[in-house]
Amino acid sequence: VQLVESGGGLVQPGGFLRLSCAASGFAFSSYDMSWYRQAPGKERELVATISTAGGSTYYADSVKGRFTTSRDNAKNTVYLQMNSLKPDDAAVYYCNRWPRREDYWGQGTQVTVSS
């Protein structure tokens, strides 16, 4: 199993980023997927989930209305569109199955929000 996150970077407050997570080694289209983030000194927290066909999503209150998750099962990829970014959104972002599996974590992608 491999999950490879990409798309992070440095962005100013109010800016946007689109994260991608390429999955391999399991039947991607058969599983709900999730996005997590972890800021320095904090617990890893759930950001969003998406159902197998993409028709059902969940968002943490802190990102609701600003973040959108989607997936392309033909490409075995899940996305996280992040708009109106705030300094509090700065973290390493990870994808995983949903419910998560501890042996599935990738390396994550760093998001920095700063002027």
PDB file of N, CA and C in Angstrom:
ATOM      1  N   VAL A   1       0.841  -1.191   0.000  1.00  0.00           N
ATOM      2  CA  VAL A   1       0.000   0.000   0.000  1.00  0.00           C
ATOM      3  C   VAL A   1       0.880   1.246   0.000  1.00  0.00           C
ATOM      4  N   GLN A   2       0.502   2.197  -0.826  1.00  0.00           N
ATOM      5  CA  GLN A   2       1.244   3.457  -0.859  1.00  0.00           C
ATOM      6  C   GLN A   2       0.270   4.608  -1.063  1.00  0.00           C
ATOM      7  N   LEU A   3       0.409   5.620  -0.220  1.00  0.00           N
ATOM      8  CA  LEU A   3      -0.341   6.867  -0.356  1.00  0.00           C
ATOM      9  C   LEU A   3       0.673   7.992  -0.470  1.00  0.00           C
ATOM     10  N   VAL A   4       0.610   8.736  -1.565  1.00  0.00           N
ATOM     11  CA  VAL A   4       1.582   9.791  -1.823  1.00  0.00           C
ATOM     12  C   VAL A   4       0.849  11.118  -1.956  1.00  0.00           C
ATOM     13  N   GLU A   5       1.034  11.967  -0.953  1.00  0.00           N
ATOM     14  CA  GLU A   5       0.412  13.282  -0.953  1.00  0.00           C
ATOM     15  C   GLU A   5       1.323  14.291  -1.644  1.00  0.00           C
ATOM     16  N   SER A   6       0.704  15.255  -2.309  1.00  0.00           N
ATOM     17  CA  SER A   6       1.459  16.313  -2.974  1.00  0.00           C
ATOM     18  C   SER A   6       0.596  17.569  -3.075  1.00  0.00           C
ATOM     19  N   GLY A   7       1.235  18.671  -3.449  1.00  0.00           N
ATOM     20  CA  GLY A   7       0.509  19.910  -3.681  1.00  0.00           C
ATOM     21  C   GLY A   7       0.635  20.946  -2.585  1.00  0.00           C
ATOM     22  N   GLY A   8       1.295  20.594  -1.509  1.00  0.00           N
ATOM     23  CA  GLY A   8       1.476  21.563  -0.437  1.00  0.00           C
ATOM     24  C   GLY A   8       2.449  22.654  -0.829  1.00  0.00           C
ATOM     25  N   GLY A   9       2.577  23.644   0.046  1.00  0.00           N
ATOM     26  CA  GLY A   9       3.499  24.733  -0.215  1.00  0.00           C
ATOM     27  C   GLY A   9       3.223  25.910   0.688  1.00  0.00           C
ATOM     28  N   LEU A  10       3.822  27.033   0.342  1.00  0.00           N
ATOM     29  CA  LEU A  10       3.664  28.277   1.086  1.00  0.00           C
ATOM     30  C   LEU A  10       2.616  29.138   0.385  1.00  0.00           C
ATOM     31  N   VAL A  11       1.648  29.595   1.135  1.00  0.00           N
ATOM     32  CA  VAL A  11       0.589  30.423   0.566  1.00  0.00           C
ATOM     33  C   VAL A  11       0.248  31.531   1.553  1.00  0.00           C
ATOM     34  N   GLN A  12      -0.164  32.658   1.049  1.00  0.00           N
ATOM     35  CA  GLN A  12      -0.558  33.773   1.904  1.00  0.00           C
ATOM     36  C   GLN A  12      -1.967  33.537   2.464  1.00  0.00           C
ATOM     37  N   PRO A  13      -2.259  34.120   3.607  1.00  0.00           N
ATOM     38  CA  PRO A  13      -3.635  34.038   4.131  1.00  0.00           C
ATOM     39  C   PRO A  13      -4.634  34.495   3.072  1.00  0.00           C
ATOM     40  N   GLY A  14      -5.716  33.744   2.966  1.00  0.00           N
ATOM     41  CA  GLY A  14      -6.706  34.029   1.939  1.00  0.00           C
ATOM     42  C   GLY A  14      -6.468  33.312   0.639  1.00  0.00           C
ATOM     43  N   GLY A  15      -5.317  32.689   0.499  1.00  0.00           N
ATOM     44  CA  GLY A  15      -4.973  31.993  -0.726  1.00  0.00           C
ATOM     45  C   GLY A  15      -5.563  30.596  -0.798  1.00  0.00           C
ATOM     46  N   PHE A  16      -5.129  29.851  -1.805  1.00  0.00           N
ATOM     47  CA  PHE A  16      -5.679  28.519  -2.005  1.00  0.00           C
ATOM     48  C   PHE A  16      -4.580  27.556  -2.443  1.00  0.00           C
ATOM     49  N   LEU A  17      -4.867  26.283  -2.182  1.00  0.00           N
ATOM     50  CA  LEU A  17      -4.023  25.186  -2.622  1.00  0.00           C
ATOM     51  C   LEU A  17      -4.912  23.989  -2.968  1.00  0.00           C
ATOM     52  N   ARG A  18      -4.414  23.141  -3.831  1.00  0.00           N
ATOM     53  CA  ARG A  18      -5.096  21.880  -4.131  1.00  0.00           C
ATOM     54  C   ARG A  18      -4.142  20.733  -3.848  1.00  0.00           C
ATOM     55  N   LEU A  19      -4.499  19.932  -2.882  1.00  0.00           N
ATOM     56  CA  LEU A  19      -3.697  18.768  -2.538  1.00  0.00           C
ATOM     57  C   LEU A  19      -4.185  17.552  -3.308  1.00  0.00           C
ATOM     58  N   SER A  20      -3.248  16.669  -3.611  1.00  0.00           N
ATOM     59  CA  SER A  20      -3.573  15.401  -4.260  1.00  0.00           C
ATOM     60  C   SER A  20      -3.004  14.262  -3.432  1.00  0.00           C
ATOM     61  N   CYS A  21      -3.654  13.119  -3.527  1.00  0.00           N
ATOM     62  CA  CYS A  21      -3.164  11.915  -2.868  1.00  0.00           C
ATOM     63  C   CYS A  21      -3.333  10.761  -3.840  1.00  0.00           C
ATOM     64  N   ALA A  22      -2.215  10.233  -4.312  1.00  0.00           N
ATOM     65  CA  ALA A  22      -2.234   9.101  -5.240  1.00  0.00           C
ATOM     66  C   ALA A  22      -2.114   7.809  -4.444  1.00  0.00           C
ATOM     67  N   ALA A  23      -3.047   6.907  -4.671  1.00  0.00           N
ATOM     68  CA  ALA A  23      -3.111   5.660  -3.918  1.00  0.00           C
ATOM     69  C   ALA A  23      -2.750   4.471  -4.804  1.00  0.00           C
ATOM     70  N   SER A  24      -2.120   3.493  -4.200  1.00  0.00           N
ATOM     71  CA  SER A  24      -1.821   2.257  -4.905  1.00  0.00           C
ATOM     72  C   SER A  24      -1.738   1.123  -3.901  1.00  0.00           C
ATOM     73  N   GLY A  25      -1.908  -0.105  -4.398  1.00  0.00           N
ATOM     74  CA  GLY A  25      -1.755  -1.280  -3.545  1.00  0.00           C
ATOM     75  C   GLY A  25      -3.024  -1.766  -2.867  1.00  0.00           C
ATOM     76  N   PHE A  26      -4.123  -1.108  -3.116  1.00  0.00           N
ATOM     77  CA  PHE A  26      -5.398  -1.586  -2.589  1.00  0.00           C
ATOM     78  C   PHE A  26      -6.511  -1.130  -3.542  1.00  0.00           C
ATOM     79  N   ALA A  27      -7.695  -1.677  -3.354  1.00  0.00           N
ATOM     80  CA  ALA A  27      -8.817  -1.388  -4.250  1.00  0.00           C
ATOM     81  C   ALA A  27      -9.406  -0.025  -3.907  1.00  0.00           C
ATOM     82  N   PHE A  28      -8.751   1.006  -4.389  1.00  0.00           N
ATOM     83  CA  PHE A  28      -9.076   2.390  -4.039  1.00  0.00           C
ATOM     84  C   PHE A  28     -10.560   2.692  -4.170  1.00  0.00           C
ATOM     85  N   SER A  29     -11.174   2.320  -5.256  1.00  0.00           N
ATOM     86  CA  SER A  29     -12.566   2.696  -5.507  1.00  0.00           C
ATOM     87  C   SER A  29     -13.543   2.015  -4.556  1.00  0.00           C
ATOM     88  N   SER A  30     -13.078   1.038  -3.810  1.00  0.00           N
ATOM     89  CA  SER A  30     -13.953   0.308  -2.889  1.00  0.00           C
ATOM     90  C   SER A  30     -13.973   0.887  -1.487  1.00  0.00           C
ATOM     91  N   TYR A  31     -13.180   1.916  -1.253  1.00  0.00           N
ATOM     92  CA  TYR A  31     -13.045   2.447   0.106  1.00  0.00           C
ATOM     93  C   TYR A  31     -13.311   3.937   0.188  1.00  0.00           C
ATOM     94  N   ASP A  32     -13.995   4.324   1.270  1.00  0.00           N
ATOM     95  CA  ASP A  32     -14.045   5.734   1.604  1.00  0.00           C
ATOM     96  C   ASP A  32     -12.637   6.200   1.907  1.00  0.00           C
ATOM     97  N   MET A  33     -12.401   7.493   1.683  1.00  0.00           N
ATOM     98  CA  MET A  33     -11.075   8.063   1.946  1.00  0.00           C
ATOM     99  C   MET A  33     -11.199   9.259   2.884  1.00  0.00           C
ATOM    100  N   SER A  34     -10.077   9.643   3.452  1.00  0.00           N
ATOM    101  CA  SER A  34     -10.093  10.736   4.418  1.00  0.00           C
ATOM    102  C   SER A  34      -8.845  11.594   4.281  1.00  0.00           C
ATOM    103  N   TRP A  35      -8.952  12.804   4.789  1.00  0.00           N
ATOM    104  CA  TRP A  35      -7.827  13.726   4.908  1.00  0.00           C
ATOM    105  C   TRP A  35      -7.668  14.089   6.377  1.00  0.00           C
ATOM    106  N   TYR A  36      -6.427  14.099   6.819  1.00  0.00           N
ATOM    107  CA  TYR A  36      -6.064  14.504   8.168  1.00  0.00           C
ATOM    108  C   TYR A  36      -4.999  15.584   8.084  1.00  0.00           C
ATOM    109  N   ARG A  37      -4.814  16.279   9.178  1.00  0.00           N
ATOM    110  CA  ARG A  37      -3.704  17.218   9.272  1.00  0.00           C
ATOM    111  C   ARG A  37      -3.132  17.204  10.675  1.00  0.00           C
ATOM    112  N   GLN A  38      -1.866  17.558  10.752  1.00  0.00           N
ATOM    113  CA  GLN A  38      -1.188  17.623  12.044  1.00  0.00           C
ATOM    114  C   GLN A  38      -0.286  18.832  12.084  1.00  0.00           C
ATOM    115  N   ALA A  39      -0.585  19.722  12.997  1.00  0.00           N
ATOM    116  CA  ALA A  39       0.241  20.901  13.216  1.00  0.00           C
ATOM    117  C   ALA A  39       1.257  20.594  14.311  1.00  0.00           C
ATOM    118  N   PRO A  40       2.360  21.320  14.345  1.00  0.00           N
ATOM    119  CA  PRO A  40       3.384  21.074  15.364  1.00  0.00           C
ATOM    120  C   PRO A  40       2.812  21.135  16.778  1.00  0.00           C
ATOM    121  N   GLY A  41       3.095  20.115  17.567  1.00  0.00           N
ATOM    122  CA  GLY A  41       2.648  20.092  18.952  1.00  0.00           C
ATOM    123  C   GLY A  41       1.191  19.743  19.143  1.00  0.00           C
ATOM    124  N   LYS A  42       0.508  19.388  18.066  1.00  0.00           N
ATOM    125  CA  LYS A  42      -0.917  19.069  18.168  1.00  0.00           C
ATOM    126  C   LYS A  42      -1.194  17.641  17.704  1.00  0.00           C
ATOM    127  N   GLU A  43      -2.355  17.125  18.088  1.00  0.00           N
ATOM    128  CA  GLU A  43      -2.778  15.808  17.646  1.00  0.00           C
ATOM    129  C   GLU A  43      -3.166  15.862  16.169  1.00  0.00           C
ATOM    130  N   ARG A  44      -3.021  14.713  15.514  1.00  0.00           N
ATOM    131  CA  ARG A  44      -3.499  14.620  14.139  1.00  0.00           C
ATOM    132  C   ARG A  44      -5.018  14.688  14.161  1.00  0.00           C
ATOM    133  N   GLU A  45      -5.594  15.521  13.313  1.00  0.00           N
ATOM    134  CA  GLU A  45      -7.036  15.701  13.336  1.00  0.00           C
ATOM    135  C   GLU A  45      -7.659  15.408  11.974  1.00  0.00           C
ATOM    136  N   LEU A  46      -8.883  14.915  12.030  1.00  0.00           N
ATOM    137  CA  LEU A  46      -9.622  14.615  10.808  1.00  0.00           C
ATOM    138  C   LEU A  46     -10.105  15.913  10.176  1.00  0.00           C
ATOM    139  N   VAL A  47      -9.885  16.046   8.886  1.00  0.00           N
ATOM    140  CA  VAL A  47     -10.293  17.238   8.148  1.00  0.00           C
ATOM    141  C   VAL A  47     -11.532  16.957   7.291  1.00  0.00           C
ATOM    142  N   ALA A  48     -11.508  15.851   6.553  1.00  0.00           N
ATOM    143  CA  ALA A  48     -12.603  15.555   5.627  1.00  0.00           C
ATOM    144  C   ALA A  48     -12.612  14.072   5.296  1.00  0.00           C
ATOM    145  N   THR A  49     -13.790  13.601   4.894  1.00  0.00           N
ATOM    146  CA  THR A  49     -13.918  12.245   4.368  1.00  0.00           C
ATOM    147  C   THR A  49     -14.755  12.296   3.097  1.00  0.00           C
ATOM    148  N   ILE A  50     -14.616  11.249   2.288  1.00  0.00           N
ATOM    149  CA  ILE A  50     -15.387  11.159   1.056  1.00  0.00           C
ATOM    150  C   ILE A  50     -15.739   9.702   0.813  1.00  0.00           C
ATOM    151  N   SER A  51     -16.965   9.467   0.379  1.00  0.00           N
ATOM    152  CA  SER A  51     -17.430   8.111   0.141  1.00  0.00           C
ATOM    153  C   SER A  51     -16.835   7.554  -1.151  1.00  0.00           C
ATOM    154  N   THR A  52     -17.091   6.284  -1.391  1.00  0.00           N
ATOM    155  CA  THR A  52     -16.451   5.603  -2.515  1.00  0.00           C
ATOM    156  C   THR A  52     -16.712   6.268  -3.858  1.00  0.00           C
ATOM    157  N   ALA A  53     -17.926   6.696  -4.095  1.00  0.00           N
ATOM    158  CA  ALA A  53     -18.260   7.319  -5.375  1.00  0.00           C
ATOM    159  C   ALA A  53     -18.219   8.837  -5.310  1.00  0.00           C
ATOM    160  N   GLY A  54     -17.894   9.355  -4.154  1.00  0.00           N
ATOM    161  CA  GLY A  54     -17.786  10.798  -4.007  1.00  0.00           C
ATOM    162  C   GLY A  54     -19.080  11.521  -3.692  1.00  0.00           C
ATOM    163  N   GLY A  55     -20.143  10.776  -3.518  1.00  0.00           N
ATOM    164  CA  GLY A  55     -21.428  11.418  -3.319  1.00  0.00           C
ATOM    165  C   GLY A  55     -21.700  11.901  -1.911  1.00  0.00           C
ATOM    166  N   SER A  56     -20.907  11.447  -0.972  1.00  0.00           N
ATOM    167  CA  SER A  56     -21.098  11.833   0.418  1.00  0.00           C
ATOM    168  C   SER A  56     -19.772  12.305   0.994  1.00  0.00           C
ATOM    169  N   THR A  57     -19.808  13.462   1.617  1.00  0.00           N
ATOM    170  CA  THR A  57     -18.598  14.021   2.215  1.00  0.00           C
ATOM    171  C   THR A  57     -18.879  14.498   3.630  1.00  0.00           C
ATOM    172  N   TYR A  58     -17.801  14.607   4.383  1.00  0.00           N
ATOM    173  CA  TYR A  58     -17.844  15.164   5.739  1.00  0.00           C
ATOM    174  C   TYR A  58     -16.709  16.152   5.877  1.00  0.00           C
ATOM    175  N   TYR A  59     -16.962  17.247   6.601  1.00  0.00           N
ATOM    176  CA  TYR A  59     -15.905  18.225   6.859  1.00  0.00           C
ATOM    177  C   TYR A  59     -15.904  18.607   8.328  1.00  0.00           C
ATOM    178  N   ALA A  60     -14.725  18.774   8.864  1.00  0.00           N
ATOM    179  CA  ALA A  60     -14.601  19.322  10.203  1.00  0.00           C
ATOM    180  C   ALA A  60     -15.148  20.741  10.209  1.00  0.00           C
ATOM    181  N   ASP A  61     -15.690  21.142  11.332  1.00  0.00           N
ATOM    182  CA  ASP A  61     -16.276  22.481  11.424  1.00  0.00           C
ATOM    183  C   ASP A  61     -15.268  23.568  11.061  1.00  0.00           C
ATOM    184  N   SER A  62     -14.021  23.337  11.386  1.00  0.00           N
ATOM    185  CA  SER A  62     -12.991  24.346  11.167  1.00  0.00           C
ATOM    186  C   SER A  62     -12.712  24.617   9.692  1.00  0.00           C
ATOM    187  N   VAL A  63     -13.107  23.697   8.808  1.00  0.00           N
ATOM    188  CA  VAL A  63     -12.811  23.876   7.381  1.00  0.00           C
ATOM    189  C   VAL A  63     -14.076  23.918   6.529  1.00  0.00           C
ATOM    190  N   LYS A  64     -15.220  23.688   7.133  1.00  0.00           N
ATOM    191  CA  LYS A  64     -16.477  23.634   6.391  1.00  0.00           C
ATOM    192  C   LYS A  64     -16.713  24.944   5.649  1.00  0.00           C
ATOM    193  N   GLY A  65     -17.075  24.822   4.387  1.00  0.00           N
ATOM    194  CA  GLY A  65     -17.312  26.000   3.565  1.00  0.00           C
ATOM    195  C   GLY A  65     -16.068  26.533   2.871  1.00  0.00           C
ATOM    196  N   ARG A  66     -14.899  26.044   3.264  1.00  0.00           N
ATOM    197  CA  ARG A  66     -13.646  26.503   2.653  1.00  0.00           C
ATOM    198  C   ARG A  66     -12.922  25.386   1.916  1.00  0.00           C
ATOM    199  N   PHE A  67     -13.041  24.174   2.419  1.00  0.00           N
ATOM    200  CA  PHE A  67     -12.350  23.028   1.819  1.00  0.00           C
ATOM    201  C   PHE A  67     -13.362  22.136   1.106  1.00  0.00           C
ATOM    202  N   THR A  68     -12.911  21.516   0.023  1.00  0.00           N
ATOM    203  CA  THR A  68     -13.735  20.559  -0.720  1.00  0.00           C
ATOM    204  C   THR A  68     -12.885  19.353  -1.089  1.00  0.00           C
ATOM    205  N   THR A  69     -13.383  18.178  -0.775  1.00  0.00           N
ATOM    206  CA  THR A  69     -12.674  16.973  -1.176  1.00  0.00           C
ATOM    207  C   THR A  69     -13.406  16.309  -2.339  1.00  0.00           C
ATOM    208  N   SER A  70     -12.644  15.696  -3.215  1.00  0.00           N
ATOM    209  CA  SER A  70     -13.197  14.990  -4.364  1.00  0.00           C
ATOM    210  C   SER A  70     -12.272  13.827  -4.687  1.00  0.00           C
ATOM    211  N   ARG A  71     -12.682  12.983  -5.605  1.00  0.00           N
ATOM    212  CA  ARG A  71     -11.852  11.860  -5.971  1.00  0.00           C
ATOM    213  C   ARG A  71     -12.073  11.498  -7.429  1.00  0.00           C
ATOM    214  N   ASP A  72     -11.045  10.871  -7.992  1.00  0.00           N
ATOM    215  CA  ASP A  72     -11.106  10.341  -9.347  1.00  0.00           C
ATOM    216  C   ASP A  72     -10.706   8.873  -9.256  1.00  0.00           C
ATOM    217  N   ASN A  73     -11.686   7.997  -9.261  1.00  0.00           N
ATOM    218  CA  ASN A  73     -11.399   6.576  -9.091  1.00  0.00           C
ATOM    219  C   ASN A  73     -10.637   5.993 -10.275  1.00  0.00           C
ATOM    220  N   ALA A  74     -10.758   6.597 -11.435  1.00  0.00           N
ATOM    221  CA  ALA A  74     -10.002   6.122 -12.597  1.00  0.00           C
ATOM    222  C   ALA A  74      -8.512   6.389 -12.422  1.00  0.00           C
ATOM    223  N   LYS A  75      -8.187   7.400 -11.635  1.00  0.00           N
ATOM    224  CA  LYS A  75      -6.783   7.762 -11.394  1.00  0.00           C
ATOM    225  C   LYS A  75      -6.309   7.350 -10.007  1.00  0.00           C
ATOM    226  N   ASN A  76      -7.176   6.687  -9.242  1.00  0.00           N
ATOM    227  CA  ASN A  76      -6.815   6.293  -7.868  1.00  0.00           C
ATOM    228  C   ASN A  76      -6.287   7.481  -7.075  1.00  0.00           C
ATOM    229  N   THR A  77      -6.972   8.603  -7.183  1.00  0.00           N
ATOM    230  CA  THR A  77      -6.504   9.833  -6.564  1.00  0.00           C
ATOM    231  C   THR A  77      -7.643  10.538  -5.841  1.00  0.00           C
ATOM    232  N   VAL A  78      -7.325  11.070  -4.672  1.00  0.00           N
ATOM    233  CA  VAL A  78      -8.264  11.891  -3.921  1.00  0.00           C
ATOM    234  C   VAL A  78      -7.656  13.290  -3.791  1.00  0.00           C
ATOM    235  N   TYR A  79      -8.517  14.285  -3.804  1.00  0.00           N
ATOM    236  CA  TYR A  79      -8.077  15.677  -3.810  1.00  0.00           C
ATOM    237  C   TYR A  79      -8.663  16.437  -2.614  1.00  0.00           C
ATOM    238  N   LEU A  80      -7.957  17.506  -2.240  1.00  0.00           N
ATOM    239  CA  LEU A  80      -8.475  18.426  -1.235  1.00  0.00           C
ATOM    240  C   LEU A  80      -8.229  19.840  -1.738  1.00  0.00           C
ATOM    241  N   GLN A  81      -9.298  20.499  -2.135  1.00  0.00           N
ATOM    242  CA  GLN A  81      -9.235  21.898  -2.552  1.00  0.00           C
ATOM    243  C   GLN A  81      -9.400  22.758  -1.312  1.00  0.00           C
ATOM    244  N   MET A  82      -8.414  23.587  -1.046  1.00  0.00           N
ATOM    245  CA  MET A  82      -8.421  24.415   0.152  1.00  0.00           C
ATOM    246  C   MET A  82      -8.441  25.879  -0.255  1.00  0.00           C
ATOM    247  N   ASN A  83      -9.516  26.572   0.079  1.00  0.00           N
ATOM    248  CA  ASN A  83      -9.673  27.986  -0.246  1.00  0.00           C
ATOM    249  C   ASN A  83      -9.688  28.818   1.033  1.00  0.00           C
ATOM    250  N   SER A  84      -9.497  30.106   0.870  1.00  0.00           N
ATOM    251  CA  SER A  84      -9.541  31.034   2.008  1.00  0.00           C
ATOM    252  C   SER A  84      -8.687  30.528   3.162  1.00  0.00           C
ATOM    253  N   LEU A  85      -7.477  30.171   2.848  1.00  0.00           N
ATOM    254  CA  LEU A  85      -6.605  29.571   3.864  1.00  0.00           C
ATOM    255  C   LEU A  85      -6.266  30.558   4.972  1.00  0.00           C
ATOM    256  N   LYS A  86      -6.181  30.010   6.174  1.00  0.00           N
ATOM    257  CA  LYS A  86      -5.875  30.793   7.361  1.00  0.00           C
ATOM    258  C   LYS A  86      -4.563  30.279   7.970  1.00  0.00           C
ATOM    259  N   PRO A  87      -3.908  31.082   8.782  1.00  0.00           N
ATOM    260  CA  PRO A  87      -2.690  30.598   9.455  1.00  0.00           C
ATOM    261  C   PRO A  87      -2.941  29.308  10.253  1.00  0.00           C
ATOM    262  N   ASP A  88      -4.126  29.161  10.826  1.00  0.00           N
ATOM    263  CA  ASP A  88      -4.450  27.959  11.595  1.00  0.00           C
ATOM    264  C   ASP A  88      -4.542  26.704  10.731  1.00  0.00           C
ATOM    265  N   ASP A  89      -4.595  26.848   9.415  1.00  0.00           N
ATOM    266  CA  ASP A  89      -4.631  25.692   8.520  1.00  0.00           C
ATOM    267  C   ASP A  89      -3.236  25.114   8.273  1.00  0.00           C
ATOM    268  N   ALA A  90      -2.213  25.804   8.706  1.00  0.00           N
ATOM    269  CA  ALA A  90      -0.851  25.325   8.492  1.00  0.00           C
ATOM    270  C   ALA A  90      -0.623  24.013   9.227  1.00  0.00           C
ATOM    271  N   ALA A  91      -0.161  23.020   8.497  1.00  0.00           N
ATOM    272  CA  ALA A  91       0.031  21.681   9.060  1.00  0.00           C
ATOM    273  C   ALA A  91       0.610  20.779   7.977  1.00  0.00           C
ATOM    274  N   VAL A  92       0.951  19.571   8.378  1.00  0.00           N
ATOM    275  CA  VAL A  92       1.231  18.519   7.401  1.00  0.00           C
ATOM    276  C   VAL A  92      -0.088  17.800   7.141  1.00  0.00           C
ATOM    277  N   TYR A  93      -0.427  17.663   5.896  1.00  0.00           N
ATOM    278  CA  TYR A  93      -1.702  17.045   5.503  1.00  0.00           C
ATOM    279  C   TYR A  93      -1.446  15.630   4.987  1.00  0.00           C
ATOM    280  N   TYR A  94      -2.305  14.716   5.424  1.00  0.00           N
ATOM    281  CA  TYR A  94      -2.204  13.315   5.065  1.00  0.00           C
ATOM    282  C   TYR A  94      -3.540  12.799   4.541  1.00  0.00           C
ATOM    283  N   CYS A  95      -3.469  11.820   3.657  1.00  0.00           N
ATOM    284  CA  CYS A  95      -4.687  11.101   3.303  1.00  0.00           C
ATOM    285  C   CYS A  95      -4.603   9.688   3.887  1.00  0.00           C
ATOM    286  N   ASN A  96      -5.747   9.034   3.958  1.00  0.00           N
ATOM    287  CA  ASN A  96      -5.814   7.678   4.482  1.00  0.00           C
ATOM    288  C   ASN A  96      -7.144   7.103   4.025  1.00  0.00           C
ATOM    289  N   ARG A  97      -7.329   5.851   4.244  1.00  0.00           N
ATOM    290  CA  ARG A  97      -8.649   5.282   4.073  1.00  0.00           C
ATOM    291  C   ARG A  97      -9.541   5.824   5.180  1.00  0.00           C
ATOM    292  N   TRP A  98     -10.864   5.542   5.042  1.00  0.00           N
ATOM    293  CA  TRP A  98     -11.779   5.875   6.115  1.00  0.00           C
ATOM    294  C   TRP A  98     -12.651   4.645   6.385  1.00  0.00           C
ATOM    295  N   PRO A  99     -12.649   4.131   7.599  1.00  0.00           N
ATOM    296  CA  PRO A  99     -11.840   4.526   8.745  1.00  0.00           C
ATOM    297  C   PRO A  99     -10.347   4.363   8.479  1.00  0.00           C
ATOM    298  N   ARG A 100      -9.558   5.155   9.129  1.00  0.00           N
ATOM    299  CA  ARG A 100      -8.130   5.152   8.849  1.00  0.00           C
ATOM    300  C   ARG A 100      -7.497   3.841   9.275  1.00  0.00           C
ATOM    301  N   ARG A 101      -6.379   3.566   8.630  1.00  0.00           N
ATOM    302  CA  ARG A 101      -5.540   2.432   9.011  1.00  0.00           C
ATOM    303  C   ARG A 101      -4.169   2.969   9.343  1.00  0.00           C
ATOM    304  N   GLU A 102      -3.668   2.576  10.499  1.00  0.00           N
ATOM    305  CA  GLU A 102      -2.395   3.113  10.993  1.00  0.00           C
ATOM    306  C   GLU A 102      -1.215   2.707  10.127  1.00  0.00           C
ATOM    307  N   ASP A 103      -1.360   1.627   9.355  1.00  0.00           N
ATOM    308  CA  ASP A 103      -0.274   1.193   8.480  1.00  0.00           C
ATOM    309  C   ASP A 103      -0.365   1.805   7.095  1.00  0.00           C
ATOM    310  N   TYR A 104      -1.265   2.756   6.894  1.00  0.00           N
ATOM    311  CA  TYR A 104      -1.462   3.362   5.591  1.00  0.00           C
ATOM    312  C   TYR A 104      -0.880   4.769   5.474  1.00  0.00           C
ATOM    313  N   TRP A 105      -0.355   5.350   6.546  1.00  0.00           N
ATOM    314  CA  TRP A 105       0.079   6.741   6.476  1.00  0.00           C
ATOM    315  C   TRP A 105       1.202   6.922   5.473  1.00  0.00           C
ATOM    316  N   GLY A 106       1.090   7.998   4.668  1.00  0.00           N
ATOM    317  CA  GLY A 106       2.159   8.386   3.772  1.00  0.00           C
ATOM    318  C   GLY A 106       3.052   9.412   4.437  1.00  0.00           C
ATOM    319  N   GLN A 107       3.828  10.126   3.622  1.00  0.00           N
ATOM    320  CA  GLN A 107       4.765  11.094   4.182  1.00  0.00           C
ATOM    321  C   GLN A 107       4.113  12.451   4.437  1.00  0.00           C
ATOM    322  N   GLY A 108       2.944  12.646   3.859  1.00  0.00           N
ATOM    323  CA  GLY A 108       2.240  13.912   4.041  1.00  0.00           C
ATOM    324  C   GLY A 108       2.798  15.009   3.149  1.00  0.00           C
ATOM    325  N   THR A 109       2.086  16.122   3.117  1.00  0.00           N
ATOM    326  CA  THR A 109       2.544  17.296   2.373  1.00  0.00           C
ATOM    327  C   THR A 109       2.356  18.522   3.254  1.00  0.00           C
ATOM    328  N   GLN A 110       3.385  19.348   3.314  1.00  0.00           N
ATOM    329  CA  GLN A 110       3.408  20.492   4.222  1.00  0.00           C
ATOM    330  C   GLN A 110       2.656  21.677   3.619  1.00  0.00           C
ATOM    331  N   VAL A 111       1.777  22.236   4.407  1.00  0.00           N
ATOM    332  CA  VAL A 111       1.074  23.467   4.034  1.00  0.00           C
ATOM    333  C   VAL A 111       1.475  24.554   5.016  1.00  0.00           C
ATOM    334  N   THR A 112       1.984  25.647   4.499  1.00  0.00           N
ATOM    335  CA  THR A 112       2.389  26.791   5.317  1.00  0.00           C
ATOM    336  C   THR A 112       1.579  27.996   4.872  1.00  0.00           C
ATOM    337  N   VAL A 113       0.938  28.644   5.823  1.00  0.00           N
ATOM    338  CA  VAL A 113       0.117  29.817   5.521  1.00  0.00           C
ATOM    339  C   VAL A 113       0.723  31.002   6.262  1.00  0.00           C
ATOM    340  N   SER A 114       1.303  31.888   5.503  1.00  0.00           N
ATOM    341  CA  SER A 114       2.007  33.009   6.120  1.00  0.00           C
ATOM    342  C   SER A 114       2.144  34.140   5.119  1.00  0.00           C
ATOM    343  N   SER A 115       2.108  35.362   5.648  1.00  0.00           N
ATOM    344  CA  SER A 115       2.328  36.521   4.786  1.00  0.00           C
ATOM    345  C   SER A 115       3.796  36.925   4.802  1.00  0.00           C
TER     346      SER A 115
END
